Every structure is written in C-alpha cells, then in structure tokens.
PDB file of N, CA and C in Angstrom:
ATOM      1  N   UNK A   1       0.829  -1.023  -0.152  1.00  0.00           N
ATOM      2  CA  UNK A   1      -0.084   0.071  -0.177  1.00  0.00           C
ATOM      3  C   UNK A   1       0.830   1.108   0.142  1.00  0.00           C
ATOM      4  N   UNK A   2       2.230   1.052   0.527  1.00  0.00           N
ATOM      5  CA  UNK A   2       2.747   2.184   0.552  1.00  0.00           C
ATOM      6  C   UNK A   2       3.463   2.716  -0.639  1.00  0.00           C
ATOM      7  N   UNK A   3       3.749   1.780  -1.786  1.00  0.00           N
ATOM      8  CA  UNK A   3       3.718   2.029  -3.114  1.00  0.00           C
ATOM      9  C   UNK A   3       2.781   2.732  -4.036  1.00  0.00           C
ATOM     10  N   UNK A   4       1.581   2.599  -3.651  1.00  0.00           N
ATOM     11  CA  UNK A   4       0.592   3.079  -4.025  1.00  0.00           C
ATOM     12  C   UNK A   4       0.611   4.509  -4.693  1.00  0.00           C
ATOM     13  N   UNK A   5       0.172   4.822  -5.959  1.00  0.00           N
ATOM     14  CA  UNK A   5       0.389   6.177  -6.803  1.00  0.00           C
ATOM     15  C   UNK A   5      -0.994   6.856  -6.447  1.00  0.00           C
ATOM     16  N   UNK A   6      -2.282   6.225  -6.243  1.00  0.00           N
ATOM     17  CA  UNK A   6      -3.021   6.992  -5.965  1.00  0.00           C
ATOM     18  C   UNK A   6      -4.293   6.121  -5.122  1.00  0.00           C
ATOM     19  N   UNK A   7      -5.402   6.867  -4.839  1.00  0.00           N
ATOM     20  CA  UNK A   7      -6.417   6.203  -3.964  1.00  0.00           C
ATOM     21  C   UNK A   7      -7.131   5.126  -4.549  1.00  0.00           C
ATOM     22  N   UNK A   8      -6.954   4.961  -5.447  1.00  0.00           N
ATOM     23  CA  UNK A   8      -7.478   3.724  -6.318  1.00  0.00           C
ATOM     24  C   UNK A   8      -6.421   2.749  -6.279  1.00  0.00           C
ATOM     25  N   UNK A   9      -5.152   2.522  -6.290  1.00  0.00           N
ATOM     26  CA  UNK A   9      -4.093   1.537  -5.974  1.00  0.00           C
ATOM     27  C   UNK A   9      -4.233   1.352  -4.615  1.00  0.00           C
ATOM     28  N   UNK A  10      -4.377   2.314  -3.697  1.00  0.00           N
ATOM     29  CA  UNK A  10      -4.521   2.009  -2.202  1.00  0.00           C
ATOM     30  C   UNK A  10      -6.036   0.716  -1.657  1.00  0.00           C
ATOM     31  N   UNK A  11      -6.723   1.345  -2.663  1.00  0.00           N
ATOM     32  CA  UNK A  11      -8.081   0.461  -2.458  1.00  0.00           C
ATOM     33  C   UNK A  11      -7.916  -0.845  -3.063  1.00  0.00           C
ATOM     34  N   UNK A  12      -7.226  -1.070  -4.097  1.00  0.00           N
ATOM     35  CA  UNK A  12      -6.979  -2.264  -4.741  1.00  0.00           C
ATOM     36  C   UNK A  12      -6.150  -3.288  -3.902  1.00  0.00           C
ATOM     37  N   UNK A  13      -4.761  -2.566  -3.370  1.00  0.00           N
ATOM     38  CA  UNK A  13      -4.103  -3.376  -2.018  1.00  0.00           C
ATOM     39  C   UNK A  13      -5.066  -3.498  -0.935  1.00  0.00           C
ATOM     40  N   UNK A  14      -5.689  -2.551  -0.273  1.00  0.00           N
ATOM     41  CA  UNK A  14      -6.166  -3.093   0.542  1.00  0.00           C
ATOM     42  C   UNK A  14      -7.338  -4.263   0.437  1.00  0.00           C
ATOM     43  N   UNK A  15      -8.324  -4.275  -0.667  1.00  0.00           N
ATOM     44  CA  UNK A  15      -8.922  -5.402  -1.009  1.00  0.00           C
ATOM     45  C   UNK A  15      -8.078  -6.829  -1.323  1.00  0.00           C
ATOM     46  N   UNK A  16      -7.198  -6.804  -1.902  1.00  0.00           N
ATOM     47  CA  UNK A  16      -6.139  -7.798  -2.041  1.00  0.00           C
ATOM     48  C   UNK A  16      -5.731  -8.480  -0.395  1.00  0.00           C
ATOM     49  N   UNK A  17      -5.300  -7.400   0.289  1.00  0.00           N
ATOM     50  CA  UNK A  17      -5.133  -7.641   2.029  1.00  0.00           C
ATOM     51  C   UNK A  17      -6.345  -8.181   2.518  1.00  0.00           C
ATOM     52  N   UNK A  18      -7.266  -8.055   2.646  1.00  0.00           N
ATOM     53  CA  UNK A  18      -8.615  -8.397   3.227  1.00  0.00           C
ATOM     54  C   UNK A  18      -8.815  -9.178   2.674  1.00  0.00           C
ATOM     55  N   UNK A  19      -8.941  -9.751   1.564  1.00  0.00           N
ATOM     56  CA  UNK A  19      -9.051 -11.211   0.837  1.00  0.00           C
ATOM     57  C   UNK A  19      -8.249 -11.924   1.374  1.00  0.00           C
ATOM     58  N   UNK A  20      -7.347 -11.831   1.236  1.00  0.00           N
ATOM     59  CA  UNK A  20      -6.262 -12.660   2.162  1.00  0.00           C
ATOM     60  C   UNK A  20      -6.577 -12.994   3.420  1.00  0.00           C
ATOM     61  N   UNK A  21      -6.737 -11.782   4.373  1.00  0.00           N
ATOM     62  CA  UNK A  21      -7.291 -12.156   5.362  1.00  0.00           C
ATOM     63  C   UNK A  21      -8.487 -12.899   5.944  1.00  0.00           C
ATOM     64  N   UNK A  22      -9.181 -13.072   4.778  1.00  0.00           N
ATOM     65  CA  UNK A  22     -10.148 -13.664   4.966  1.00  0.00           C
ATOM     66  C   UNK A  22     -10.359 -15.333   4.415  1.00  0.00           C
ATOM     67  N   UNK A  23      -9.268 -15.531   3.850  1.00  0.00           N
ATOM     68  CA  UNK A  23      -8.760 -16.550   3.594  1.00  0.00           C
ATOM     69  C   UNK A  23      -8.172 -17.370   4.947  1.00  0.00           C
ATOM     70  N   UNK A  24      -7.107 -16.274   5.358  1.00  0.00           N
ATOM     71  CA  UNK A  24      -6.565 -16.936   6.472  1.00  0.00           C
ATOM     72  C   UNK A  24      -7.278 -17.137   7.636  1.00  0.00           C
ATOM     73  N   UNK A  25      -8.659 -16.656   7.859  1.00  0.00           N
ATOM     74  CA  UNK A  25      -9.663 -16.660   8.799  1.00  0.00           C
ATOM     75  C   UNK A  25     -10.287 -17.954   8.582  1.00  0.00           C
ATOM     76  N   UNK A  26     -10.522 -18.281   7.089  1.00  0.00           N
ATOM     77  CA  UNK A  26     -11.571 -19.637   6.835  1.00  0.00           C
ATOM     78  C   UNK A  26     -10.462 -20.853   7.134  1.00  0.00           C
ATOM     79  N   UNK A  27      -9.082 -20.491   7.003  1.00  0.00           N
ATOM     80  CA  UNK A  27      -8.276 -21.870   7.022  1.00  0.00           C
ATOM     81  C   UNK A  27      -7.897 -22.183   8.481  1.00  0.00           C
ATOM     82  N   UNK A  28      -8.103 -20.932   9.588  1.00  0.00           N
ATOM     83  CA  UNK A  28      -7.706 -21.237  10.935  1.00  0.00           C
ATOM     84  C   UNK A  28      -8.767 -21.258  11.916  1.00  0.00           C
ATOM     85  N   UNK A  29      -9.915 -20.528  11.318  1.00  0.00           N
ATOM     86  CA  UNK A  29     -11.159 -20.929  12.349  1.00  0.00           C
ATOM     87  C   UNK A  29     -12.373 -21.458  12.095  1.00  0.00           C
ATOM     88  N   UNK A  30     -12.163 -21.390  10.299  1.00  0.00           N
ATOM     89  CA  UNK A  30     -13.389 -21.872   9.439  1.00  0.00           C
ATOM     90  C   UNK A  30     -14.552 -20.862   9.810  1.00  0.00           C
ATOM     91  N   UNK A  31     -14.205 -19.573   9.948  1.00  0.00           N
ATOM     92  CA  UNK A  31     -15.049 -18.263   9.450  1.00  0.00           C
ATOM     93  C   UNK A  31     -14.445 -17.545   8.862  1.00  0.00           C
ATOM     94  N   UNK A  32     -15.841 -16.799   8.205  1.00  0.00           N
ATOM     95  CA  UNK A  32     -15.446 -15.712   6.920  1.00  0.00           C
ATOM     96  C   UNK A  32     -15.834 -14.303   7.572  1.00  0.00           C
ATOM     97  N   UNK A  33     -15.306 -13.195   6.952  1.00  0.00           N
ATOM     98  CA  UNK A  33     -15.999 -11.756   7.174  1.00  0.00           C
ATOM     99  C   UNK A  33     -17.239 -12.124   6.629  1.00  0.00           C
ATOM    100  N   UNK A  34     -18.271 -11.520   7.197  1.00  0.00           N
ATOM    101  CA  UNK A  34     -19.874 -11.538   6.516  1.00  0.00           C
ATOM    102  C   UNK A  34     -19.853 -11.070   5.317  1.00  0.00           C
ATOM    103  N   UNK A  35     -19.496  -9.720   4.950  1.00  0.00           N
ATOM    104  CA  UNK A  35     -20.110  -9.058   3.811  1.00  0.00           C
ATOM    105  C   UNK A  35     -18.894  -8.140   3.504  1.00  0.00           C
ATOM    106  N   UNK A  36     -17.833  -8.786   2.970  1.00  0.00           N
ATOM    107  CA  UNK A  36     -16.614  -7.471   2.614  1.00  0.00           C
ATOM    108  C   UNK A  36     -17.054  -6.749   1.288  1.00  0.00           C
ATOM    109  N   UNK A  37     -17.890  -7.033   0.576  1.00  0.00           N
ATOM    110  CA  UNK A  37     -18.100  -5.923  -0.296  1.00  0.00           C
ATOM    111  C   UNK A  37     -18.880  -4.718   0.658  1.00  0.00           C
ATOM    112  N   UNK A  38     -19.607  -4.738   1.337  1.00  0.00           N
ATOM    113  CA  UNK A  38     -20.230  -3.877   2.432  1.00  0.00           C
ATOM    114  C   UNK A  38     -18.680  -3.256   2.905  1.00  0.00           C
ATOM    115  N   UNK A  39     -17.456  -4.122   3.395  1.00  0.00           N
ATOM    116  CA  UNK A  39     -16.506  -3.296   4.344  1.00  0.00           C
ATOM    117  C   UNK A  39     -16.081  -2.252   3.064  1.00  0.00           C
ATOM    118  N   UNK A  40     -15.831  -2.988   1.750  1.00  0.00           N
ATOM    119  CA  UNK A  40     -14.631  -1.635   0.899  1.00  0.00           C
ATOM    120  C   UNK A  40     -15.903  -0.881   0.198  1.00  0.00           C
ATOM    121  N   UNK A  41     -17.012  -1.056   0.404  1.00  0.00           N
ATOM    122  CA  UNK A  41     -18.097   0.322  -0.111  1.00  0.00           C
ATOM    123  C   UNK A  41     -17.846   1.303   1.197  1.00  0.00           C
ATOM    124  N   UNK A  42     -17.645   0.985   2.231  1.00  0.00           N
ATOM    125  CA  UNK A  42     -17.796   1.836   3.393  1.00  0.00           C
ATOM    126  C   UNK A  42     -16.496   2.466   3.354  1.00  0.00           C
ATOM    127  N   UNK A  43     -15.227   1.784   3.213  1.00  0.00           N
ATOM    128  CA  UNK A  43     -13.878   2.495   3.054  1.00  0.00           C
ATOM    129  C   UNK A  43     -13.760   3.534   2.120  1.00  0.00           C
ATOM    130  N   UNK A  44     -14.440   2.683   0.784  1.00  0.00           N
ATOM    131  CA  UNK A  44     -14.385   3.871  -0.426  1.00  0.00           C
ATOM    132  C   UNK A  44     -14.925   5.193  -0.509  1.00  0.00           C
ATOM    133  N   UNK A  45     -16.484   4.920   0.285  1.00  0.00           N
ATOM    134  CA  UNK A  45     -17.072   6.077   0.465  1.00  0.00           C
ATOM    135  C   UNK A  45     -16.729   7.101   1.803  1.00  0.00           C
ATOM    136  N   UNK A  46     -15.825   6.490   2.724  1.00  0.00           N
ATOM    137  CA  UNK A  46     -15.374   7.282   3.735  1.00  0.00           C
ATOM    138  C   UNK A  46     -14.424   8.617   3.175  1.00  0.00           C
ATOM    139  N   UNK A  47     -14.798   9.648   4.339  1.00  0.00           N
ATOM    140  CA  UNK A  47     -13.835  11.022   4.008  1.00  0.00           C
ATOM    141  C   UNK A  47     -12.556  10.719   4.012  1.00  0.00           C
ATOM    142  N   UNK A  48     -11.691  11.381   3.056  1.00  0.00           N
ATOM    143  CA  UNK A  48     -10.378  11.087   2.730  1.00  0.00           C
ATOM    144  C   UNK A  48      -9.426  11.272   4.335  1.00  0.00           C
ATOM    145  N   UNK A  49      -9.932  11.956   5.509  1.00  0.00           N
ATOM    146  CA  UNK A  49      -9.118  11.809   6.645  1.00  0.00           C
ATOM    147  C   UNK A  49      -9.396  10.011   6.999  1.00  0.00           C
ATOM    148  N   UNK A  50     -10.865   9.790   7.307  1.00  0.00           N
ATOM    149  CA  UNK A  50     -10.594   8.223   7.816  1.00  0.00           C
ATOM    150  C   UNK A  50     -10.389   7.290   6.920  1.00  0.00           C
ATOM    151  N   UNK A  51     -10.156   7.443   5.637  1.00  0.00           N
ATOM    152  CA  UNK A  51      -9.853   6.351   4.672  1.00  0.00           C
ATOM    153  C   UNK A  51      -8.299   6.469   5.036  1.00  0.00           C
ATOM    154  N   UNK A  52      -7.875   7.421   5.101  1.00  0.00           N
ATOM    155  CA  UNK A  52      -6.152   7.613   5.136  1.00  0.00           C
ATOM    156  C   UNK A  52      -5.626   6.597   6.036  1.00  0.00           C
ATOM    157  N   UNK A  53      -6.564   7.151   7.552  1.00  0.00           N
ATOM    158  CA  UNK A  53      -6.261   6.227   8.790  1.00  0.00           C
ATOM    159  C   UNK A  53      -6.754   5.132   8.630  1.00  0.00           C
ATOM    160  N   UNK A  54      -7.708   4.578   7.944  1.00  0.00           N
ATOM    161  CA  UNK A  54      -7.869   3.348   7.616  1.00  0.00           C
ATOM    162  C   UNK A  54      -6.811   2.156   6.977  1.00  0.00           C
ATOM    163  N   UNK A  55      -6.517   3.148   6.051  1.00  0.00           N
ATOM    164  CA  UNK A  55      -5.380   2.245   5.008  1.00  0.00           C
ATOM    165  C   UNK A  55      -4.352   2.226   5.883  1.00  0.00           C
ATOM    166  N   UNK A  56      -3.837   3.185   6.729  1.00  0.00           N
ATOM    167  CA  UNK A  56      -2.980   2.966   7.524  1.00  0.00           C
ATOM    168  C   UNK A  56      -2.703   2.164   8.581  1.00  0.00           C
ATOM    169  N   UNK A  57      -3.783   1.813   9.329  1.00  0.00           N
ATOM    170  CA  UNK A  57      -3.869   0.577  10.122  1.00  0.00           C
ATOM    171  C   UNK A  57      -3.796  -0.522   9.666  1.00  0.00           C
ATOM    172  N   UNK A  58      -4.532  -0.743   8.481  1.00  0.00           N
ATOM    173  CA  UNK A  58      -4.630  -2.249   7.377  1.00  0.00           C
ATOM    174  C   UNK A  58      -3.143  -2.118   7.151  1.00  0.00           C
ATOM    175  N   UNK A  59      -2.355  -1.361   6.596  1.00  0.00           N
ATOM    176  CA  UNK A  59      -1.297  -1.578   5.849  1.00  0.00           C
ATOM    177  C   UNK A  59      -0.338  -2.171   7.400  1.00  0.00           C
ATOM    178  N   UNK A  60      -0.453  -1.497   8.450  1.00  0.00           N
ATOM    179  CA  UNK A  60       0.362  -1.703   9.429  1.00  0.00           C
ATOM    180  C   UNK A  60       0.489  -3.091   9.847  1.00  0.00           C
ATOM    181  N   UNK A  61      -1.149  -3.633  10.104  1.00  0.00           N
ATOM    182  CA  UNK A  61      -1.378  -5.023  10.336  1.00  0.00           C
ATOM    183  C   UNK A  61      -1.100  -5.980   9.019  1.00  0.00           C
ATOM    184  N   UNK A  62      -1.487  -5.657   7.712  1.00  0.00           N
ATOM    185  CA  UNK A  62      -1.191  -6.801   6.845  1.00  0.00           C
ATOM    186  C   UNK A  62       0.539  -6.759   6.561  1.00  0.00           C
ATOM    187  N   UNK A  63       1.194  -5.435   6.748  1.00  0.00           N
ATOM    188  CA  UNK A  63       2.552  -5.680   6.552  1.00  0.00           C
ATOM    189  C   UNK A  63       3.351  -6.415   7.506  1.00  0.00           C
ATOM    190  N   UNK A  64       2.716  -6.383   9.050  1.00  0.00           N
ATOM    191  CA  UNK A  64       3.124  -6.935  10.172  1.00  0.00           C
ATOM    192  C   UNK A  64       3.442  -8.382  10.426  1.00  0.00           C
ATOM    193  N   UNK A  65       1.613  -8.761   9.528  1.00  0.00           N
ATOM    194  CA  UNK A  65       1.236 -10.140   9.785  1.00  0.00           C
ATOM    195  C   UNK A  65       0.960 -10.738  11.163  1.00  0.00           C
ATOM    196  N   UNK A  66       0.986  -9.777  12.179  1.00  0.00           N
ATOM    197  CA  UNK A  66       0.537 -10.082  13.115  1.00  0.00           C
ATOM    198  C   UNK A  66      -0.261  -9.802  14.073  1.00  0.00           C
ATOM    199  N   UNK A  67      -1.122 -10.154  15.112  1.00  0.00           N
ATOM    200  CA  UNK A  67      -2.374 -10.026  15.444  1.00  0.00           C
ATOM    201  C   UNK A  67      -1.870  -8.679  16.912  1.00  0.00           C
ATOM    202  N   UNK A  68      -2.682  -7.946  17.384  1.00  0.00           N
ATOM    203  CA  UNK A  68      -2.220  -6.770  18.310  1.00  0.00           C
ATOM    204  C   UNK A  68      -2.255  -8.050  19.603  1.00  0.00           C
ATOM    205  N   UNK A  69      -3.134  -8.607  19.923  1.00  0.00           N
ATOM    206  CA  UNK A  69      -3.328  -9.840  21.198  1.00  0.00           C
ATOM    207  C   UNK A  69      -3.937 -10.628  20.717  1.00  0.00           C
ATOM    208  N   UNK A  70      -4.148 -12.171  21.859  1.00  0.00           N
ATOM    209  CA  UNK A  70      -4.562 -13.005  21.601  1.00  0.00           C
ATOM    210  C   UNK A  70      -6.237 -12.924  21.577  1.00  0.00           C
ATOM    211  N   UNK A  71      -6.762 -12.045  21.900  1.00  0.00           N
ATOM    212  CA  UNK A  71      -8.236 -11.833  21.928  1.00  0.00           C
ATOM    213  C   UNK A  71      -8.907 -11.710  20.719  1.00  0.00           C
ATOM    214  N   UNK A  72      -8.775 -10.743  20.081  1.00  0.00           N
ATOM    215  CA  UNK A  72      -9.405 -10.503  18.913  1.00  0.00           C
ATOM    216  C   UNK A  72      -8.259 -10.402  17.576  1.00  0.00           C
ATOM    217  N   UNK A  73      -8.271 -10.941  16.480  1.00  0.00           N
ATOM    218  CA  UNK A  73      -7.278 -10.679  15.655  1.00  0.00           C
ATOM    219  C   UNK A  73      -7.662  -8.845  15.276  1.00  0.00           C
ATOM    220  N   UNK A  74      -6.789  -7.868  15.334  1.00  0.00           N
ATOM    221  CA  UNK A  74      -6.777  -6.649  15.200  1.00  0.00           C
ATOM    222  C   UNK A  74      -7.939  -6.405  13.835  1.00  0.00           C
ATOM    223  N   UNK A  75      -7.954  -6.839  12.514  1.00  0.00           N
ATOM    224  CA  UNK A  75      -8.686  -6.488  11.444  1.00  0.00           C
ATOM    225  C   UNK A  75     -10.141  -6.326  11.992  1.00  0.00           C
ATOM    226  N   UNK A  76     -10.510  -7.036  12.969  1.00  0.00           N
ATOM    227  CA  UNK A  76     -11.906  -7.887  13.435  1.00  0.00           C
ATOM    228  C   UNK A  76     -12.149  -6.361  14.295  1.00  0.00           C
ATOM    229  N   UNK A  77     -11.647  -5.967  14.800  1.00  0.00           N
ATOM    230  CA  UNK A  77     -11.652  -4.889  15.854  1.00  0.00           C
ATOM    231  C   UNK A  77     -12.123  -3.930  14.997  1.00  0.00           C
ATOM    232  N   UNK A  78     -11.037  -3.466  14.369  1.00  0.00           N
ATOM    233  CA  UNK A  78     -11.096  -2.209  13.551  1.00  0.00           C
ATOM    234  C   UNK A  78     -12.425  -2.394  12.300  1.00  0.00           C
ATOM    235  N   UNK A  79     -12.690  -3.359  11.654  1.00  0.00           N
ATOM    236  CA  UNK A  79     -13.768  -3.710  10.680  1.00  0.00           C
ATOM    237  C   UNK A  79     -14.956  -3.411  11.681  1.00  0.00           C
ATOM    238  N   UNK A  80     -15.191  -3.987  13.009  1.00  0.00           N
ATOM    239  CA  UNK A  80     -16.399  -3.915  13.582  1.00  0.00           C
ATOM    240  C   UNK A  80     -16.853  -2.400  14.151  1.00  0.00           C
ATOM    241  N   UNK A  81     -15.377  -1.957  14.409  1.00  0.00           N
ATOM    242  CA  UNK A  81     -15.681  -0.276  14.626  1.00  0.00           C
ATOM    243  C   UNK A  81     -16.307   0.744  12.868  1.00  0.00           C
ATOM    244  N   UNK A  82     -15.735   0.310  12.293  1.00  0.00           N
ATOM    245  CA  UNK A  82     -15.735   0.996  11.072  1.00  0.00           C
ATOM    246  C   UNK A  82     -17.198   0.407  10.761  1.00  0.00           C
ATOM    247  N   UNK A  83     -17.882  -0.577  10.703  1.00  0.00           N
ATOM    248  CA  UNK A  83     -19.115  -0.767  10.243  1.00  0.00           C
ATOM    249  C   UNK A  83     -20.354  -0.803  11.615  1.00  0.00           C
ATOM    250  N   UNK A  84     -19.721  -0.305  12.521  1.00  0.00           N
ATOM    251  CA  UNK A  84     -20.664  -0.023  13.929  1.00  0.00           C
ATOM    252  C   UNK A  84     -21.605  -1.591  13.986  1.00  0.00           C
ATOM    253  N   UNK A  85     -20.533  -2.493  14.129  1.00  0.00           N
ATOM    254  CA  UNK A  85     -21.448  -4.015  14.108  1.00  0.00           C
ATOM    255  C   UNK A  85     -20.418  -4.620  15.198  1.00  0.00           C
ATOM    256  N   UNK A  86     -21.353  -5.296  16.103  1.00  0.00           N
ATOM    257  CA  UNK A  86     -20.697  -5.897  17.359  1.00  0.00           C
ATOM    258  C   UNK A  86     -19.660  -6.984  16.339  1.00  0.00           C
ATOM    259  N   UNK A  87     -18.555  -7.187  17.177  1.00  0.00           N
ATOM    260  CA  UNK A  87     -17.584  -8.170  16.343  1.00  0.00           C
ATOM    261  C   UNK A  87     -17.938  -9.867  16.410  1.00  0.00           C
ATOM    262  N   UNK A  88     -19.266 -10.132  17.006  1.00  0.00           N
ATOM    263  CA  UNK A  88     -19.674 -11.532  17.166  1.00  0.00           C
ATOM    264  C   UNK A  88     -20.418 -11.244  16.126  1.00  0.00           C
ATOM    265  N   UNK A  89     -21.103 -10.295  15.431  1.00  0.00           N
ATOM    266  CA  UNK A  89     -21.722 -10.486  14.316  1.00  0.00           C
ATOM    267  C   UNK A  89     -21.227 -10.157  12.656  1.00  0.00           C
ATOM    268  N   UNK A  90     -19.721 -10.061  12.925  1.00  0.00           N
ATOM    269  CA  UNK A  90     -18.948  -9.578  11.709  1.00  0.00           C
ATOM    270  C   UNK A  90     -18.348 -11.244  11.020  1.00  0.00           C
ATOM    271  N   UNK A  91     -18.711 -11.871  11.580  1.00  0.00           N
ATOM    272  CA  UNK A  91     -18.285 -13.334  10.961  1.00  0.00           C
ATOM    273  C   UNK A  91     -19.350 -14.132  10.679  1.00  0.00           C
ATOM    274  N   UNK A  92     -19.245 -15.080   9.655  1.00  0.00           N
ATOM    275  CA  UNK A  92     -20.130 -16.023   9.427  1.00  0.00           C
ATOM    276  C   UNK A  92     -19.278 -17.651   9.247  1.00  0.00           C
ATOM    277  N   UNK A  93     -20.227 -18.393   9.250  1.00  0.00           N
ATOM    278  CA  UNK A  93     -19.670 -19.901   8.857  1.00  0.00           C
ATOM    279  C   UNK A  93     -19.260 -19.818   7.236  1.00  0.00           C
ATOM    280  N   UNK A  94     -18.399 -20.579   6.815  1.00  0.00           N
ATOM    281  CA  UNK A  94     -18.268 -20.737   5.549  1.00  0.00           C
ATOM    282  C   UNK A  94     -19.395 -21.249   4.806  1.00  0.00           C
ATOM    283  N   UNK A  95     -19.911 -20.581   3.607  1.00  0.00           N
ATOM    284  CA  UNK A  95     -21.155 -21.456   3.096  1.00  0.00           C
ATOM    285  C   UNK A  95     -20.596 -22.824   2.499  1.00  0.00           C
ATOM    286  N   UNK A  96     -21.984 -23.537   2.670  1.00  0.00           N
ATOM    287  CA  UNK A  96     -21.650 -25.078   2.552  1.00  0.00           C
ATOM    288  C   UNK A  96     -21.462 -25.541   1.107  1.00  0.00           C
ATOM    289  N   UNK A  97     -21.363 -24.403  -0.130  1.00  0.00           N
ATOM    290  CA  UNK A  97     -21.035 -24.411  -1.408  1.00  0.00           C
ATOM    291  C   UNK A  97     -19.162 -24.947  -1.461  1.00  0.00           C
ATOM    292  N   UNK A  98     -18.670 -23.820  -0.531  1.00  0.00           N
ATOM    293  CA  UNK A  98     -17.234 -23.641  -0.535  1.00  0.00           C
ATOM    294  C   UNK A  98     -16.578 -25.197   0.087  1.00  0.00           C
ATOM    295  N   UNK A  99     -17.622 -25.589   1.066  1.00  0.00           N
ATOM    296  CA  UNK A  99     -16.774 -26.932   1.394  1.00  0.00           C
ATOM    297  C   UNK A  99     -16.691 -28.048   0.652  1.00  0.00           C
ATOM    298  N   UNK A 100     -17.989 -27.895  -0.454  1.00  0.00           N
ATOM    299  CA  UNK A 100     -18.067 -29.181  -1.278  1.00  0.00           C
ATOM    300  C   UNK A 100     -17.028 -28.882  -2.064  1.00  0.00           C
ATOM    301  N   UNK A 101     -16.587 -27.814  -2.819  1.00  0.00           N
ATOM    302  CA  UNK A 101     -15.476 -27.487  -3.522  1.00  0.00           C
ATOM    303  C   UNK A 101     -14.094 -28.005  -2.965  1.00  0.00           C
ATOM    304  N   UNK A 102     -13.966 -27.555  -1.804  1.00  0.00           N
ATOM    305  CA  UNK A 102     -12.764 -28.177  -1.115  1.00  0.00           C
ATOM    306  C   UNK A 102     -12.721 -29.446  -1.028  1.00  0.00           C
ATOM    307  N   UNK A 103     -13.846 -30.532  -0.603  1.00  0.00           N
ATOM    308  CA  UNK A 103     -13.775 -31.886  -0.909  1.00  0.00           C
ATOM    309  C   UNK A 103     -13.460 -32.264  -2.182  1.00  0.00           C
ATOM    310  N   UNK A 104     -14.105 -32.009  -3.226  1.00  0.00           N
ATOM    311  CA  UNK A 104     -14.048 -32.095  -4.539  1.00  0.00           C
ATOM    312  C   UNK A 104     -12.263 -31.928  -4.864  1.00  0.00           C
ATOM    313  N   UNK A 105     -11.471 -30.738  -4.665  1.00  0.00           N
ATOM    314  CA  UNK A 105     -10.453 -30.468  -4.862  1.00  0.00           C
ATOM    315  C   UNK A 105      -9.375 -31.700  -4.176  1.00  0.00           C
ATOM    316  N   UNK A 106      -9.496 -31.539  -2.825  1.00  0.00           N
ATOM    317  CA  UNK A 106      -8.915 -32.687  -2.192  1.00  0.00           C
ATOM    318  C   UNK A 106      -8.962 -34.105  -2.888  1.00  0.00           C
ATOM    319  N   UNK A 107      -9.966 -34.352  -2.883  1.00  0.00           N
ATOM    320  CA  UNK A 107     -10.350 -35.833  -3.771  1.00  0.00           C
ATOM    321  C   UNK A 107      -9.314 -36.110  -5.383  1.00  0.00           C
ATOM    322  N   UNK A 108      -9.505 -35.090  -6.075  1.00  0.00           N
ATOM    323  CA  UNK A 108      -8.828 -35.096  -7.093  1.00  0.00           C
ATOM    324  C   UNK A 108      -7.465 -34.972  -7.262  1.00  0.00           C
ATOM    325  N   UNK A 109      -6.621 -34.761  -5.720  1.00  0.00           N
ATOM    326  CA  UNK A 109      -5.190 -34.830  -5.780  1.00  0.00           C
ATOM    327  C   UNK A 109      -5.004 -35.983  -5.724  1.00  0.00           C
TER     328      UNK A 109
END
C-alpha cells in the first residue's frame, strides 16, 4: 500500500489484503468476514482523512502479519468499529458450497 500512486491503487491493495486475511480466517477458524463488499464500500465512501487512517492501520497490520493480542485479531476489531457492528456479528460460517468445492479439490489430488 505504501507504493500506491493514488487512492484507487490503495483501495486495490486493501482489497487484496482483506481477501487474503479472510482466507486466513477461513483456514484457521473456519469463519469468514460476513460481507466484504460492504466493508469495501464503506471504506471507499469514507472522508479522505478517515480513509487514510483506515489504510494506515490495515497496512501496518497486513505488513507485520501479526495480531495485536490473542483476544480478537486486529482487523476484526477495526472492521467492527468501521461498520458499527459487534465483533460477534461480523463473522459467518463458511458457505456450504465452499465446503463441497474443497472436498472435491482434495479428492482430485
């Protein structure tokens, strides 16, 4: 994100980072962020100062690759605040179709 030339590039890097983080959550705890498109829209529509603040926070987390503490991974707290949604309502179980796709892929190996 630090090499982004403009706001669109920053948003692109943020989307890639959050998609990767969502995959990480799926692998580790079998849960996904409920509606990433809503997250992207909220960030894209935010005032420039808030958007820059959000980019900075996520860039720091995604670059370091570490959680701030063991209670809740940092991006989940930040997304919860951004969307004014309790952390417990932010995650969902993986859709059943994804499970079938994983089973099929593993069977093909």
